[in-house]
Protein backbone atom coordinates (compact mmCIF):
# COMPACT_ATOMS: atom_id res chain seq x y z
CA UNK A 1 0.00 0.00 0.00
CA UNK A 2 1.46 3.36 -1.00
CA UNK A 3 0.67 6.68 0.59
CA UNK A 4 0.86 10.41 0.09
CA UNK A 5 4.19 11.37 1.67
CA UNK A 6 3.77 15.10 2.31
CA UNK A 7 1.60 18.16 1.83
CA UNK A 8 -2.05 18.89 2.50
CA UNK A 9 -3.09 15.24 1.96
CA UNK A 10 0.03 13.75 3.56
CA UNK A 11 -0.46 10.34 5.17
CA UNK A 12 -3.46 9.29 3.08
CA UNK A 13 -3.21 5.65 2.00
CA UNK A 14 -3.61 5.12 -1.74
CA UNK A 15 -5.08 2.21 -3.64
CA UNK A 16 -2.70 0.23 -5.83
CA UNK A 17 -3.46 -1.40 -9.14
CA UNK A 18 -3.88 -5.15 -8.53
CA UNK A 19 -1.66 -7.56 -10.42
CA UNK A 20 1.82 -7.16 -11.77
CA UNK A 21 1.18 -5.06 -14.90
CA UNK A 22 2.13 -1.83 -13.12
CA UNK A 23 5.03 -1.15 -10.78
CA UNK A 24 4.41 1.53 -8.18
CA UNK A 25 7.17 4.04 -7.59
CA UNK A 26 8.74 3.17 -4.23
CA UNK A 27 8.41 5.63 -1.37
CA UNK A 28 12.21 6.07 -1.43
CA UNK A 29 12.22 7.11 -5.10
CA UNK A 30 9.08 9.23 -4.67
CA UNK A 31 10.62 11.06 -1.69
CA UNK A 32 13.84 11.76 -3.63
CA UNK A 33 11.93 12.87 -6.73
CA UNK A 34 9.70 15.30 -4.85
CA UNK A 35 12.58 16.66 -2.78
CA UNK A 36 14.31 17.55 -6.04
CA UNK A 37 11.13 19.02 -7.56
CA UNK A 38 10.59 21.11 -4.40
CA UNK A 39 14.18 22.37 -4.74
CA UNK A 40 13.48 23.34 -8.38
CA UNK A 41 10.40 25.27 -7.24
CA UNK A 42 8.13 23.77 -9.90
CA UNK A 43 5.29 22.37 -7.75
CA UNK A 44 3.52 25.38 -6.22
CA UNK A 45 0.64 26.36 -8.51
CA UNK A 46 1.84 24.03 -11.29
CA UNK A 47 -0.12 22.38 -14.07
CA UNK A 48 0.98 18.75 -13.84
CA UNK A 49 0.57 15.97 -16.38
CA UNK A 50 1.07 12.39 -15.14
CA UNK A 51 1.38 10.16 -18.22
CA UNK A 52 1.16 6.35 -17.96
CA UNK A 53 -0.25 7.19 -14.52
CA UNK A 54 -0.78 3.66 -13.15
CA UNK A 55 -2.37 4.33 -9.75
CA UNK A 56 -1.83 8.08 -10.12
CA UNK A 57 0.44 8.16 -7.05
CA UNK A 58 2.89 10.67 -8.52
CA UNK A 59 0.17 13.00 -9.76
CA UNK A 60 -1.79 13.00 -6.51
CA UNK A 61 1.45 13.59 -4.57
CA UNK A 62 1.93 16.69 -6.74
CA UNK A 63 -1.58 17.87 -5.86
CA UNK A 64 -0.94 17.34 -2.16
CA UNK A 65 2.24 19.43 -2.45
CA UNK A 66 0.57 22.44 -4.05
CA UNK A 67 0.00 21.81 -7.76
CA UNK A 68 -3.00 23.77 -9.04
CA UNK A 69 -4.14 21.24 -11.68
CA UNK A 70 -3.19 17.61 -12.19
CA UNK A 71 -4.21 15.41 -15.11
CA UNK A 72 -3.71 11.65 -14.78
CA UNK A 73 -3.63 9.82 -18.11
CA UNK A 74 -4.00 6.04 -18.04
CA UNK A 75 -5.15 3.64 -20.77
CA UNK A 76 -6.00 0.57 -18.66
CA UNK A 77 -9.58 0.58 -17.35
CA UNK A 78 -8.51 -1.16 -14.14
CA UNK A 79 -5.70 1.32 -13.49
CA UNK A 80 -7.87 4.31 -14.49
CA UNK A 81 -10.42 3.15 -11.89
CA UNK A 82 -7.69 3.18 -9.24
CA UNK A 83 -6.65 6.65 -10.45
CA UNK A 84 -10.25 7.84 -10.02
CA UNK A 85 -10.35 6.44 -6.48
CA UNK A 86 -7.04 8.07 -5.51
CA UNK A 87 -7.99 11.36 -7.19
CA UNK A 88 -11.25 11.38 -5.20
CA UNK A 89 -9.39 10.84 -1.91
CA UNK A 90 -7.01 13.70 -2.58
CA UNK A 91 -9.64 16.07 -4.00
CA UNK A 92 -11.75 15.53 -0.86
CA UNK A 93 -8.72 16.17 1.38
CA UNK A 94 -7.98 19.38 -0.53
CA UNK A 95 -11.62 20.49 -0.54
CA UNK A 96 -11.64 21.13 -4.29
CA UNK A 97 -11.11 19.35 -7.59
CA UNK A 98 -7.42 19.52 -8.46
CA UNK A 99 -6.91 16.04 -9.91
CA UNK A 100 -8.71 14.84 -13.06
CA UNK A 101 -8.45 11.43 -14.73
CA UNK A 102 -8.49 10.69 -18.45
CA UNK A 103 -8.79 7.08 -19.56
CA UNK A 104 -6.83 7.29 -22.76
CA UNK A 105 -3.67 6.21 -24.46
CA UNK A 106 -0.94 8.79 -23.99
CA UNK A 107 -0.39 9.64 -27.66
CA UNK A 108 -4.13 10.08 -28.44
CA UNK A 109 -4.46 12.28 -25.32
CA UNK A 110 -1.58 14.50 -26.45
CA UNK A 111 -2.91 14.64 -30.00
CA UNK A 112 -6.28 15.97 -28.72
CA UNK A 113 -4.78 18.86 -26.71
CA UNK A 114 -5.40 22.45 -27.75
CA UNK A 115 -2.40 24.48 -28.87
CA UNK A 116 -2.67 26.69 -25.75
CA UNK A 117 -2.46 23.74 -23.31
CA UNK A 118 0.89 23.94 -21.49
CA UNK A 119 2.37 22.03 -18.59
CA UNK A 120 4.82 23.02 -15.84
CA UNK A 121 5.65 19.47 -14.79
CA UNK A 122 5.28 16.21 -16.70
CA UNK A 123 5.78 12.88 -14.93
CA UNK A 124 6.21 9.81 -17.13
CA UNK A 125 6.52 6.25 -15.88
CA UNK A 126 5.93 4.25 -19.06
CA UNK A 127 5.77 0.46 -18.99
CA UNK A 128 9.27 -0.99 -19.25
CA UNK A 129 8.39 -2.89 -22.46
CA UNK A 130 7.33 0.37 -24.21
CA UNK A 131 9.56 0.54 -27.30
CA UNK A 132 12.02 3.45 -27.31
CA UNK A 133 10.64 4.88 -30.61
CA UNK A 134 7.17 5.20 -28.99
CA UNK A 135 8.64 6.96 -25.95
CA UNK A 136 10.59 9.29 -28.29
CA UNK A 137 7.34 10.12 -30.17
CA UNK A 138 5.57 10.98 -26.91
CA UNK A 139 8.46 13.28 -25.93
CA UNK A 140 8.46 14.89 -29.39
CA UNK A 141 4.72 15.59 -29.18
CA UNK A 142 5.08 16.88 -25.64
CA UNK A 143 7.99 19.29 -26.20
CA UNK A 144 5.98 22.23 -27.66
CA UNK A 145 3.39 21.90 -24.87
CA UNK A 146 5.78 22.82 -22.05
CA UNK A 147 5.64 26.12 -20.20
CA UNK A 148 8.75 28.16 -19.60
CA UNK A 149 10.72 26.60 -16.75
CA UNK A 150 8.92 23.27 -17.13
CA UNK A 151 10.43 19.98 -15.98
CA UNK A 152 9.87 16.55 -17.53
CA UNK A 153 10.72 13.46 -15.47
CA UNK A 154 10.98 10.03 -17.09
CA UNK A 155 11.15 6.95 -14.84
CA UNK A 156 12.52 3.75 -16.36
CA UNK A 157 14.47 0.66 -15.44
CA UNK A 158 18.10 1.44 -14.69
CA UNK A 159 18.91 -1.16 -17.37
CA UNK A 160 16.97 0.76 -20.04
CA UNK A 161 18.78 3.13 -22.35
CA UNK A 162 18.25 6.81 -21.68
CA UNK A 163 15.35 8.41 -23.52
CA UNK A 164 16.03 9.92 -26.93
CA UNK A 165 15.40 13.63 -26.30
CA UNK A 166 13.86 15.34 -29.33
CA UNK A 167 14.63 18.86 -30.50
CA UNK A 168 13.03 21.17 -27.97
CA UNK A 169 13.98 19.09 -24.90
CA UNK A 170 17.32 18.62 -23.20
CA UNK A 171 18.31 16.38 -20.32
CA UNK A 172 19.81 18.21 -17.38
CA UNK A 173 20.04 15.47 -14.72
CA UNK A 174 19.59 11.79 -14.00
CA UNK A 175 19.74 9.68 -10.87
CA UNK A 176 19.73 5.94 -10.25
CA UNK A 177 17.91 4.33 -7.29
CA UNK A 178 18.53 0.58 -7.45
CA UNK A 179 16.43 -0.80 -10.33
CA UNK A 180 14.95 2.65 -11.09
CA UNK A 181 16.48 5.57 -12.95
CA UNK A 182 14.99 9.05 -13.23
CA UNK A 183 15.86 11.35 -16.13
CA UNK A 184 15.10 15.07 -15.89
CA UNK A 185 14.69 17.33 -18.92
CA UNK A 186 13.65 20.89 -19.64
CA UNK A 187 12.69 22.91 -22.70
CA UNK A 188 15.86 23.44 -24.75
CA UNK A 189 17.52 26.83 -24.74
CA UNK A 190 15.83 28.04 -21.55
CA UNK A 191 17.38 28.81 -18.17
């Protein structure tokens, strides 16, 4: 059972997706990730997009820590149901609707966005078997939808190759935590 680590909804237990088709981010990795994001100052008032959301744990953690809007995108009906449950828990704790859930594939979701939709933080934890060209296409589609100062975080197996960053995105950090590696990127050519 995972939980919200900190913020307004800190301590709330979250539902997990049953079975072994998703792998929840460990509390250790989640704590390190959000400590870094807090240090970057990207959470307060942010528009957050959690792609391949699984249970939505990363997105709802963002909401608890001060994000203004969070969209969880998950294709699996079972996982999207868990996202809806966890979003409801956090929205009730916050007293307003911050977290929304879209049951959709990631690429179709991105393709439907309006040109003015922009994100301050994008969290991506794609399934390990997702082919690298598909991940690269998601990143390419995402790049023009990032606000100034945005951060993109990709979580993959530490044995996976690093993501291919398209024009418009550049990696600025990475960190390994056992079997998990996090890559951080930002819009290219921005401070």
